[in-house]
């Protein structure tokens, strides 16, 4: 059964006592976007959904979390990783480039977020650059990453790594013709 982003957003909005207009104003997004998402007529980008749910003092992981892993769990199989983004794409066959992010364990309990990210050729995190209170680092596993951090742009291939202050606006883009795979760590967690 697919996760219903619209129903979850509406549930949270009503529980917080916000109208669609109030939530849109609080999140800095157009009112119509909230309505379209709640009716499942639009799939939000990662950055848009993150802005919207920021008004509820929760992370993307919280938004999608169905079962929290055991607090003392040490090892996580691939099927146990929390899929943070695959549910955001309404039509996976539309031909649009997509991004998938998988989180290891419960980032809140460890104050460390480890993500395995996959970017289809041409996919990027969007024109609005990310900016959040944490430190970020990672390594390219496969493909070619164009990483923009502030006014610096770097092209990184498999085996190359990066580390920066996440308060600096940043953006990830797959500039190759194969799937880009990266492992990224954030502390404190931001999604």
N, C-alpha and C. Protein backbone atom coordinates (compact mmCIF):
# COMPACT_ATOMS: atom_id res chain seq x y z
N UNK A 1 0.84 -1.18 0.00
CA UNK A 1 0.00 0.00 0.00
C UNK A 1 0.88 1.24 0.00
N UNK A 2 0.61 2.19 -0.93
CA UNK A 2 1.40 3.40 -1.02
C UNK A 2 1.04 4.38 0.07
N UNK A 3 2.04 5.13 0.51
CA UNK A 3 1.87 6.15 1.53
C UNK A 3 1.06 7.30 0.94
N UNK A 4 0.04 7.78 1.65
CA UNK A 4 -0.81 8.86 1.17
C UNK A 4 -0.31 10.19 1.74
N UNK A 5 0.52 10.88 0.95
CA UNK A 5 1.12 12.14 1.37
C UNK A 5 0.02 13.17 1.67
N UNK A 6 -0.99 13.25 0.81
CA UNK A 6 -2.06 14.22 0.98
C UNK A 6 -2.84 14.01 2.27
N UNK A 7 -3.21 12.77 2.54
CA UNK A 7 -3.97 12.47 3.76
C UNK A 7 -3.14 12.75 5.00
N UNK A 8 -1.84 12.42 4.95
CA UNK A 8 -0.97 12.66 6.10
C UNK A 8 -0.83 14.16 6.36
N UNK A 9 -0.66 14.95 5.30
CA UNK A 9 -0.53 16.40 5.45
C UNK A 9 -1.82 16.99 6.04
N UNK A 10 -2.96 16.56 5.52
CA UNK A 10 -4.23 17.07 6.01
C UNK A 10 -4.43 16.70 7.48
N UNK A 11 -4.10 15.48 7.84
CA UNK A 11 -4.21 15.01 9.23
C UNK A 11 -3.38 15.91 10.16
N UNK A 12 -2.15 16.18 9.77
CA UNK A 12 -1.27 17.03 10.59
C UNK A 12 -1.78 18.47 10.67
N UNK A 13 -2.25 18.99 9.54
CA UNK A 13 -2.74 20.37 9.49
C UNK A 13 -3.95 20.54 10.40
N UNK A 14 -4.90 19.61 10.31
CA UNK A 14 -6.10 19.69 11.15
C UNK A 14 -5.77 19.51 12.62
N UNK A 15 -4.83 18.61 12.93
CA UNK A 15 -4.43 18.39 14.32
C UNK A 15 -3.79 19.63 14.91
N UNK A 16 -3.10 20.40 14.07
CA UNK A 16 -2.44 21.64 14.53
C UNK A 16 -3.42 22.81 14.56
N UNK A 17 -4.62 22.62 13.99
CA UNK A 17 -5.63 23.68 13.98
C UNK A 17 -5.39 24.76 12.94
N UNK A 18 -4.67 24.43 11.86
CA UNK A 18 -4.39 25.40 10.80
C UNK A 18 -5.38 25.24 9.64
N UNK A 19 -5.76 26.37 9.05
CA UNK A 19 -6.46 26.31 7.77
C UNK A 19 -5.39 26.09 6.70
N UNK A 20 -5.81 25.80 5.49
CA UNK A 20 -4.84 25.64 4.41
C UNK A 20 -4.08 26.95 4.19
N UNK A 21 -4.79 28.08 4.27
CA UNK A 21 -4.15 29.39 4.09
C UNK A 21 -3.13 29.67 5.20
N UNK A 22 -3.48 29.34 6.43
CA UNK A 22 -2.56 29.56 7.55
C UNK A 22 -1.29 28.74 7.38
N UNK A 23 -1.44 27.48 7.01
CA UNK A 23 -0.27 26.62 6.83
C UNK A 23 0.59 27.13 5.67
N UNK A 24 -0.05 27.52 4.56
CA UNK A 24 0.68 28.03 3.41
C UNK A 24 1.46 29.29 3.79
N UNK A 25 0.83 30.17 4.54
CA UNK A 25 1.49 31.40 4.98
C UNK A 25 2.67 31.09 5.89
N UNK A 26 2.45 30.19 6.83
CA UNK A 26 3.49 29.80 7.78
C UNK A 26 4.68 29.16 7.05
N UNK A 27 4.40 28.37 6.03
CA UNK A 27 5.45 27.65 5.29
C UNK A 27 6.06 28.48 4.17
N UNK A 28 5.40 29.59 3.79
CA UNK A 28 5.91 30.41 2.70
C UNK A 28 5.71 29.79 1.34
N UNK A 29 4.58 29.08 1.18
CA UNK A 29 4.25 28.46 -0.11
C UNK A 29 2.87 28.96 -0.56
N UNK A 30 2.56 28.85 -1.83
CA UNK A 30 1.23 29.28 -2.31
C UNK A 30 0.11 28.44 -1.67
N UNK A 31 -1.01 29.08 -1.36
CA UNK A 31 -2.15 28.40 -0.75
C UNK A 31 -2.61 27.23 -1.59
N UNK A 32 -2.62 27.42 -2.90
CA UNK A 32 -3.09 26.36 -3.80
C UNK A 32 -2.25 25.09 -3.71
N UNK A 33 -0.98 25.23 -3.36
CA UNK A 33 -0.11 24.06 -3.26
C UNK A 33 -0.58 23.12 -2.16
N UNK A 34 -0.96 23.68 -1.01
CA UNK A 34 -1.44 22.85 0.10
C UNK A 34 -2.68 22.08 -0.34
N UNK A 35 -3.60 22.77 -0.98
CA UNK A 35 -4.83 22.14 -1.45
C UNK A 35 -4.54 21.02 -2.45
N UNK A 36 -3.66 21.30 -3.41
CA UNK A 36 -3.33 20.31 -4.44
C UNK A 36 -2.66 19.06 -3.83
N UNK A 37 -1.78 19.27 -2.86
CA UNK A 37 -1.10 18.14 -2.22
C UNK A 37 -2.11 17.31 -1.43
N UNK A 38 -2.97 17.98 -0.65
CA UNK A 38 -3.95 17.25 0.16
C UNK A 38 -4.92 16.44 -0.69
N UNK A 39 -5.19 16.89 -1.91
CA UNK A 39 -6.08 16.16 -2.80
C UNK A 39 -5.30 15.16 -3.67
N UNK A 40 -4.00 15.05 -3.42
CA UNK A 40 -3.11 14.18 -4.20
C UNK A 40 -3.15 14.50 -5.69
N UNK A 41 -3.31 15.79 -6.00
CA UNK A 41 -3.28 16.24 -7.40
C UNK A 41 -1.90 16.78 -7.75
N UNK A 42 -1.02 16.91 -6.74
CA UNK A 42 0.33 17.40 -6.95
C UNK A 42 1.25 16.69 -5.98
N UNK A 43 2.44 16.32 -6.47
CA UNK A 43 3.46 15.72 -5.61
C UNK A 43 4.50 16.79 -5.31
N UNK A 44 4.69 17.11 -4.03
CA UNK A 44 5.63 18.18 -3.70
C UNK A 44 7.08 17.74 -3.88
N UNK A 45 7.95 18.72 -4.16
CA UNK A 45 9.38 18.43 -4.18
C UNK A 45 9.83 18.20 -2.75
N UNK A 46 11.01 17.64 -2.57
CA UNK A 46 11.54 17.40 -1.23
C UNK A 46 11.63 18.71 -0.47
N UNK A 47 12.16 19.77 -1.12
CA UNK A 47 12.33 21.04 -0.42
C UNK A 47 10.99 21.67 -0.08
N UNK A 48 9.98 21.56 -0.96
CA UNK A 48 8.66 22.11 -0.66
C UNK A 48 8.00 21.39 0.51
N UNK A 49 8.04 20.06 0.49
CA UNK A 49 7.42 19.29 1.58
C UNK A 49 8.13 19.59 2.89
N UNK A 50 9.46 19.70 2.83
CA UNK A 50 10.22 20.00 4.05
C UNK A 50 9.81 21.36 4.62
N UNK A 51 9.62 22.37 3.75
CA UNK A 51 9.17 23.69 4.21
C UNK A 51 7.80 23.59 4.85
N UNK A 52 6.90 22.86 4.21
CA UNK A 52 5.53 22.76 4.70
C UNK A 52 5.48 22.07 6.06
N UNK A 53 6.15 20.93 6.20
CA UNK A 53 6.05 20.21 7.47
C UNK A 53 6.91 20.84 8.56
N UNK A 54 7.78 21.77 8.17
CA UNK A 54 8.55 22.51 9.17
C UNK A 54 7.64 23.26 10.13
N UNK A 55 6.44 23.61 9.68
CA UNK A 55 5.47 24.28 10.52
C UNK A 55 4.90 23.39 11.61
N UNK A 56 5.15 22.10 11.52
CA UNK A 56 4.67 21.15 12.54
C UNK A 56 5.79 20.70 13.46
N UNK A 57 6.98 21.31 13.34
CA UNK A 57 8.14 20.94 14.15
C UNK A 57 8.46 19.45 14.01
N UNK A 58 8.52 18.99 12.76
CA UNK A 58 8.87 17.59 12.50
C UNK A 58 9.77 17.52 11.28
N UNK A 59 10.41 16.40 11.12
CA UNK A 59 11.29 16.18 9.98
C UNK A 59 10.59 15.32 8.94
N UNK A 60 11.19 15.19 7.77
CA UNK A 60 10.63 14.31 6.74
C UNK A 60 10.58 12.88 7.25
N UNK A 61 11.59 12.50 8.00
CA UNK A 61 11.61 11.16 8.57
C UNK A 61 10.39 10.94 9.46
N UNK A 62 10.07 11.93 10.31
CA UNK A 62 8.89 11.84 11.17
C UNK A 62 7.62 11.72 10.32
N UNK A 63 7.56 12.51 9.26
CA UNK A 63 6.38 12.54 8.39
C UNK A 63 6.09 11.15 7.83
N UNK A 64 7.14 10.44 7.41
CA UNK A 64 6.96 9.13 6.78
C UNK A 64 7.12 7.96 7.73
N UNK A 65 7.61 8.20 8.93
CA UNK A 65 7.92 7.11 9.85
C UNK A 65 6.66 6.34 10.23
N UNK A 66 6.68 5.05 9.95
CA UNK A 66 5.56 4.20 10.33
C UNK A 66 5.90 3.37 11.55
N UNK A 67 7.08 2.82 11.57
CA UNK A 67 7.54 2.03 12.71
C UNK A 67 8.94 2.46 13.07
N UNK A 68 9.13 2.87 14.30
CA UNK A 68 10.45 3.28 14.76
C UNK A 68 11.30 2.04 15.05
N UNK A 69 12.57 2.02 14.59
CA UNK A 69 13.39 0.87 14.87
C UNK A 69 13.70 0.76 16.36
N UNK A 70 14.03 -0.43 16.79
CA UNK A 70 14.38 -0.68 18.18
C UNK A 70 15.54 0.24 18.56
N UNK A 71 15.49 0.93 19.71
CA UNK A 71 16.51 1.91 20.08
C UNK A 71 17.93 1.35 20.16
N UNK A 72 18.09 0.07 20.40
CA UNK A 72 19.43 -0.51 20.52
C UNK A 72 19.86 -1.25 19.26
N UNK A 73 19.09 -1.12 18.22
CA UNK A 73 19.43 -1.80 16.98
C UNK A 73 20.75 -1.26 16.44
N UNK A 74 21.62 -2.14 16.02
CA UNK A 74 22.94 -1.77 15.52
C UNK A 74 23.04 -2.00 14.02
N UNK A 75 22.49 -3.09 13.54
CA UNK A 75 22.61 -3.46 12.14
C UNK A 75 21.27 -3.25 11.44
N UNK A 76 21.32 -2.72 10.22
CA UNK A 76 20.12 -2.43 9.45
C UNK A 76 20.24 -3.02 8.06
N UNK A 77 19.34 -3.90 7.72
CA UNK A 77 19.31 -4.47 6.38
C UNK A 77 18.69 -3.45 5.43
N UNK A 78 18.95 -3.62 4.17
CA UNK A 78 18.45 -2.70 3.14
C UNK A 78 16.95 -2.47 3.28
N UNK A 79 16.19 -3.52 3.56
CA UNK A 79 14.73 -3.39 3.66
C UNK A 79 14.30 -2.63 4.91
N UNK A 80 15.21 -2.41 5.86
CA UNK A 80 14.89 -1.68 7.08
C UNK A 80 15.19 -0.19 6.99
N UNK A 81 15.84 0.25 5.91
CA UNK A 81 16.13 1.67 5.76
C UNK A 81 14.82 2.42 5.53
N UNK A 82 14.73 3.63 6.09
CA UNK A 82 13.52 4.44 5.98
C UNK A 82 13.57 5.20 4.66
N UNK A 83 12.63 4.92 3.76
CA UNK A 83 12.58 5.57 2.45
C UNK A 83 11.93 6.94 2.64
N UNK A 84 12.71 8.00 2.49
CA UNK A 84 12.20 9.35 2.73
C UNK A 84 11.62 10.02 1.48
N UNK A 85 11.96 9.56 0.29
CA UNK A 85 11.52 10.32 -0.88
C UNK A 85 10.78 9.55 -1.95
N UNK A 86 10.88 8.25 -2.03
CA UNK A 86 10.26 7.55 -3.15
C UNK A 86 8.75 7.77 -3.18
N UNK A 87 8.16 8.06 -2.05
CA UNK A 87 6.72 8.27 -1.97
C UNK A 87 6.30 9.65 -2.43
N UNK A 88 7.25 10.53 -2.75
CA UNK A 88 6.93 11.89 -3.17
C UNK A 88 6.62 11.99 -4.65
N UNK A 89 6.99 10.98 -5.41
CA UNK A 89 6.79 11.02 -6.86
C UNK A 89 5.48 10.33 -7.20
N UNK A 90 4.51 11.10 -7.70
CA UNK A 90 3.19 10.54 -8.00
C UNK A 90 3.26 9.59 -9.20
N UNK A 91 3.95 10.01 -10.24
CA UNK A 91 4.00 9.19 -11.44
C UNK A 91 5.46 8.83 -11.72
N UNK A 92 5.86 7.65 -11.35
CA UNK A 92 7.26 7.24 -11.52
C UNK A 92 7.60 6.96 -12.97
N UNK A 93 6.61 6.94 -13.83
CA UNK A 93 6.86 6.64 -15.24
C UNK A 93 6.72 7.89 -16.11
N UNK A 94 6.75 9.06 -15.49
CA UNK A 94 6.53 10.30 -16.24
C UNK A 94 7.75 10.72 -17.03
N UNK A 95 8.90 10.08 -16.79
CA UNK A 95 10.11 10.46 -17.50
C UNK A 95 10.89 11.53 -16.76
N UNK A 96 10.35 12.06 -15.67
CA UNK A 96 11.07 13.09 -14.93
C UNK A 96 12.14 12.42 -14.08
N UNK A 97 13.27 13.11 -13.93
CA UNK A 97 14.36 12.58 -13.13
C UNK A 97 13.93 12.52 -11.67
N UNK A 98 14.37 11.49 -10.96
CA UNK A 98 13.95 11.36 -9.57
C UNK A 98 15.14 11.16 -8.64
N UNK A 99 14.86 11.43 -7.38
CA UNK A 99 15.83 11.28 -6.30
C UNK A 99 15.21 10.36 -5.27
N UNK A 100 16.02 9.46 -4.71
CA UNK A 100 15.55 8.61 -3.61
C UNK A 100 16.54 8.74 -2.47
N UNK A 101 16.01 8.85 -1.26
CA UNK A 101 16.85 8.96 -0.07
C UNK A 101 16.39 7.93 0.95
N UNK A 102 17.36 7.19 1.49
CA UNK A 102 17.08 6.17 2.48
C UNK A 102 17.88 6.48 3.74
N UNK A 103 17.23 6.48 4.87
CA UNK A 103 17.88 6.79 6.14
C UNK A 103 18.15 5.54 6.95
N UNK A 104 19.32 5.52 7.59
CA UNK A 104 19.68 4.42 8.47
C UNK A 104 19.17 4.74 9.88
N UNK A 105 18.32 3.88 10.42
CA UNK A 105 17.87 4.00 11.80
C UNK A 105 17.10 5.28 12.13
N UNK A 106 17.08 5.61 13.42
CA UNK A 106 16.37 6.77 13.94
C UNK A 106 17.36 7.88 14.21
N UNK A 107 17.42 8.83 13.30
CA UNK A 107 18.40 9.91 13.38
C UNK A 107 18.24 10.76 14.63
N UNK A 108 17.02 10.93 15.09
CA UNK A 108 16.79 11.76 16.28
C UNK A 108 17.45 11.18 17.53
N UNK A 109 17.40 9.86 17.65
CA UNK A 109 17.94 9.22 18.85
C UNK A 109 19.46 9.24 18.89
N UNK A 110 20.10 9.36 17.74
CA UNK A 110 21.56 9.32 17.70
C UNK A 110 22.18 10.68 17.41
N UNK A 111 21.36 11.66 17.02
CA UNK A 111 21.83 12.99 16.62
C UNK A 111 22.74 12.93 15.40
N UNK A 112 22.61 11.85 14.63
CA UNK A 112 23.39 11.67 13.42
C UNK A 112 22.47 11.07 12.36
N UNK A 113 22.45 11.72 11.21
CA UNK A 113 21.61 11.21 10.11
C UNK A 113 22.53 10.69 9.01
N UNK A 114 22.35 9.42 8.66
CA UNK A 114 23.11 8.82 7.57
C UNK A 114 22.12 8.48 6.47
N UNK A 115 22.38 9.01 5.28
CA UNK A 115 21.48 8.81 4.14
C UNK A 115 22.21 8.14 2.99
N UNK A 116 21.53 7.18 2.36
CA UNK A 116 21.99 6.60 1.10
C UNK A 116 21.09 7.24 0.05
N UNK A 117 21.68 7.98 -0.89
CA UNK A 117 20.90 8.74 -1.86
C UNK A 117 21.20 8.26 -3.28
N UNK A 118 20.13 8.19 -4.10
CA UNK A 118 20.24 7.79 -5.51
C UNK A 118 19.58 8.87 -6.37
N UNK A 119 20.31 9.36 -7.35
CA UNK A 119 19.83 10.39 -8.26
C UNK A 119 19.86 9.84 -9.68
N UNK A 120 18.73 9.84 -10.35
CA UNK A 120 18.68 9.44 -11.75
C UNK A 120 19.44 10.48 -12.57
N UNK A 121 19.91 10.14 -13.79
CA UNK A 121 20.60 11.12 -14.63
C UNK A 121 19.76 12.40 -14.79
N UNK A 122 20.39 13.54 -14.55
CA UNK A 122 19.71 14.84 -14.67
C UNK A 122 19.01 15.30 -13.41
N UNK A 123 18.85 14.43 -12.42
CA UNK A 123 18.13 14.81 -11.20
C UNK A 123 18.96 15.77 -10.36
N UNK A 124 18.29 16.71 -9.74
CA UNK A 124 18.97 17.57 -8.77
C UNK A 124 17.99 17.96 -7.68
N UNK A 125 18.51 18.55 -6.62
CA UNK A 125 17.67 18.87 -5.46
C UNK A 125 16.83 20.12 -5.67
N UNK A 126 16.94 20.78 -6.80
CA UNK A 126 16.06 21.90 -7.13
C UNK A 126 16.75 23.24 -7.14
N UNK A 127 16.07 24.21 -7.73
CA UNK A 127 16.63 25.56 -7.85
C UNK A 127 16.78 26.23 -6.49
N UNK A 128 15.89 25.91 -5.56
CA UNK A 128 16.00 26.45 -4.21
C UNK A 128 17.02 25.61 -3.45
N UNK A 129 18.13 26.25 -3.10
CA UNK A 129 19.21 25.50 -2.45
C UNK A 129 18.84 25.20 -1.00
N UNK A 130 19.32 24.04 -0.51
CA UNK A 130 19.12 23.66 0.89
C UNK A 130 19.99 24.51 1.78
N UNK A 131 19.52 24.73 2.99
CA UNK A 131 20.29 25.46 4.00
C UNK A 131 19.71 25.04 5.34
N UNK A 132 20.53 24.50 6.23
CA UNK A 132 20.03 24.02 7.51
C UNK A 132 21.15 24.01 8.53
N UNK A 133 20.78 23.92 9.78
CA UNK A 133 21.72 23.96 10.90
C UNK A 133 22.36 22.61 11.13
N UNK A 134 23.42 22.30 10.42
CA UNK A 134 24.16 21.07 10.68
C UNK A 134 25.47 21.10 9.91
N UNK A 135 26.25 20.07 10.12
CA UNK A 135 27.47 19.82 9.36
C UNK A 135 27.16 18.64 8.45
N UNK A 136 27.72 18.64 7.26
CA UNK A 136 27.36 17.64 6.27
C UNK A 136 28.62 17.12 5.58
N UNK A 137 28.64 15.83 5.36
CA UNK A 137 29.77 15.24 4.65
C UNK A 137 29.32 13.98 3.95
N UNK A 138 30.09 13.55 2.99
CA UNK A 138 29.71 12.34 2.28
C UNK A 138 30.76 11.88 1.31
N UNK A 139 30.40 10.82 0.60
CA UNK A 139 31.29 10.23 -0.39
C UNK A 139 30.46 9.73 -1.58
N UNK A 140 31.00 9.91 -2.77
CA UNK A 140 30.34 9.45 -3.98
C UNK A 140 30.67 7.97 -4.16
N UNK A 141 29.64 7.15 -4.29
CA UNK A 141 29.82 5.72 -4.49
C UNK A 141 29.87 5.38 -5.99
N UNK A 142 29.01 6.02 -6.77
CA UNK A 142 28.97 5.78 -8.22
C UNK A 142 28.41 7.02 -8.91
N UNK A 143 28.82 7.25 -10.14
CA UNK A 143 28.30 8.37 -10.91
C UNK A 143 29.11 9.64 -10.75
N UNK A 144 28.52 10.76 -11.20
CA UNK A 144 29.19 12.06 -11.19
C UNK A 144 28.29 13.09 -10.50
N UNK A 145 28.77 13.65 -9.41
CA UNK A 145 28.02 14.63 -8.62
C UNK A 145 28.54 16.03 -8.90
N UNK A 146 27.62 16.94 -9.20
CA UNK A 146 27.94 18.37 -9.21
C UNK A 146 27.39 18.91 -7.90
N UNK A 147 28.27 19.34 -7.01
CA UNK A 147 27.88 19.86 -5.70
C UNK A 147 28.17 21.35 -5.67
N UNK A 148 27.12 22.13 -5.40
CA UNK A 148 27.26 23.57 -5.26
C UNK A 148 27.13 23.90 -3.79
N UNK A 149 28.12 24.59 -3.24
CA UNK A 149 28.11 25.03 -1.85
C UNK A 149 28.46 26.52 -1.89
N UNK A 150 27.45 27.36 -1.62
CA UNK A 150 27.67 28.80 -1.74
C UNK A 150 27.99 29.13 -3.18
N UNK A 151 29.13 29.80 -3.40
CA UNK A 151 29.53 30.16 -4.77
C UNK A 151 30.56 29.19 -5.36
N UNK A 152 30.78 28.06 -4.67
CA UNK A 152 31.73 27.07 -5.15
C UNK A 152 30.99 25.88 -5.77
N UNK A 153 31.51 25.40 -6.90
CA UNK A 153 30.93 24.25 -7.58
C UNK A 153 32.03 23.22 -7.77
N UNK A 154 31.76 21.99 -7.35
CA UNK A 154 32.73 20.91 -7.51
C UNK A 154 32.12 19.74 -8.25
N UNK A 155 32.92 19.11 -9.10
CA UNK A 155 32.51 17.88 -9.79
C UNK A 155 33.23 16.73 -9.11
N UNK A 156 32.46 15.79 -8.57
CA UNK A 156 33.02 14.69 -7.81
C UNK A 156 32.63 13.36 -8.43
N UNK A 157 33.60 12.45 -8.54
CA UNK A 157 33.39 11.12 -9.11
C UNK A 157 33.46 10.08 -8.00
N UNK A 158 33.20 8.83 -8.35
CA UNK A 158 33.23 7.73 -7.39
C UNK A 158 34.54 7.76 -6.60
N UNK A 159 34.41 7.68 -5.28
CA UNK A 159 35.56 7.70 -4.40
C UNK A 159 35.88 9.08 -3.85
N UNK A 160 35.37 10.14 -4.48
CA UNK A 160 35.59 11.51 -3.99
C UNK A 160 34.63 11.80 -2.83
N UNK A 161 35.03 12.69 -1.95
CA UNK A 161 34.22 13.04 -0.79
C UNK A 161 34.05 14.54 -0.65
N UNK A 162 33.24 14.94 0.33
CA UNK A 162 32.98 16.35 0.59
C UNK A 162 32.60 16.53 2.06
N UNK A 163 32.79 17.76 2.55
CA UNK A 163 32.40 18.11 3.91
C UNK A 163 32.24 19.63 3.97
N UNK A 164 31.12 20.09 4.55
CA UNK A 164 30.88 21.53 4.62
C UNK A 164 29.88 21.86 5.71
N UNK A 165 29.79 23.15 6.00
CA UNK A 165 28.82 23.68 6.96
C UNK A 165 27.49 23.83 6.21
N UNK A 166 26.47 23.11 6.64
CA UNK A 166 25.18 23.07 5.92
C UNK A 166 24.39 24.37 6.01
N UNK A 167 24.87 25.32 6.82
CA UNK A 167 24.20 26.63 6.85
C UNK A 167 24.49 27.40 5.56
N UNK A 168 25.51 26.96 4.83
CA UNK A 168 25.81 27.55 3.52
C UNK A 168 24.84 26.93 2.51
N UNK A 169 24.14 27.74 1.70
CA UNK A 169 23.21 27.17 0.72
C UNK A 169 23.93 26.16 -0.18
N UNK A 170 23.26 25.02 -0.42
CA UNK A 170 23.90 23.97 -1.21
C UNK A 170 22.87 23.19 -2.03
N UNK A 171 23.41 22.51 -3.05
CA UNK A 171 22.56 21.80 -4.02
C UNK A 171 23.33 20.62 -4.59
N UNK A 172 22.63 19.50 -4.79
CA UNK A 172 23.21 18.29 -5.37
C UNK A 172 22.60 18.07 -6.76
N UNK A 173 23.44 17.66 -7.74
CA UNK A 173 22.93 17.39 -9.08
C UNK A 173 23.73 16.25 -9.73
N UNK A 174 23.00 15.33 -10.37
CA UNK A 174 23.64 14.26 -11.14
C UNK A 174 23.89 14.80 -12.55
N UNK A 175 25.17 15.02 -12.88
CA UNK A 175 25.51 15.54 -14.20
C UNK A 175 26.01 14.44 -15.13
N UNK A 176 25.95 13.20 -14.68
CA UNK A 176 26.38 12.08 -15.50
C UNK A 176 25.21 11.42 -16.22
N UNK A 177 25.54 10.34 -16.95
CA UNK A 177 24.49 9.62 -17.67
C UNK A 177 24.17 8.27 -17.03
N UNK A 178 24.65 8.07 -15.78
CA UNK A 178 24.32 6.87 -15.01
C UNK A 178 23.79 7.32 -13.64
N UNK A 179 23.19 6.40 -12.91
CA UNK A 179 22.66 6.73 -11.58
C UNK A 179 23.80 7.17 -10.66
N UNK A 180 23.58 8.27 -9.97
CA UNK A 180 24.52 8.78 -8.97
C UNK A 180 24.14 8.19 -7.62
N UNK A 181 25.10 7.61 -6.92
CA UNK A 181 24.87 7.06 -5.59
C UNK A 181 25.84 7.74 -4.63
N UNK A 182 25.31 8.28 -3.54
CA UNK A 182 26.15 8.91 -2.53
C UNK A 182 25.68 8.50 -1.14
N UNK A 183 26.59 8.54 -0.20
CA UNK A 183 26.26 8.35 1.20
C UNK A 183 26.58 9.68 1.87
N UNK A 184 25.59 10.23 2.59
CA UNK A 184 25.72 11.55 3.21
C UNK A 184 25.40 11.43 4.70
N UNK A 185 26.17 12.13 5.51
CA UNK A 185 25.91 12.18 6.95
C UNK A 185 25.68 13.63 7.36
N UNK A 186 24.71 13.83 8.25
CA UNK A 186 24.40 15.16 8.79
C UNK A 186 24.34 15.08 10.31
N UNK A 187 24.92 16.06 10.96
CA UNK A 187 24.77 16.15 12.40
C UNK A 187 24.66 17.62 12.77
N UNK A 188 23.60 18.03 13.46
CA UNK A 188 22.45 17.19 13.80
C UNK A 188 21.61 16.88 12.55
N UNK A 189 20.70 15.91 12.66
CA UNK A 189 19.83 15.54 11.52
C UNK A 189 19.00 16.74 11.05
N UNK A 190 18.70 16.77 9.79
CA UNK A 190 17.89 17.89 9.28
C UNK A 190 16.63 17.46 8.54
N UNK A 191 16.54 16.27 8.01
CA UNK A 191 15.34 15.83 7.28
C UNK A 191 14.30 15.28 8.23
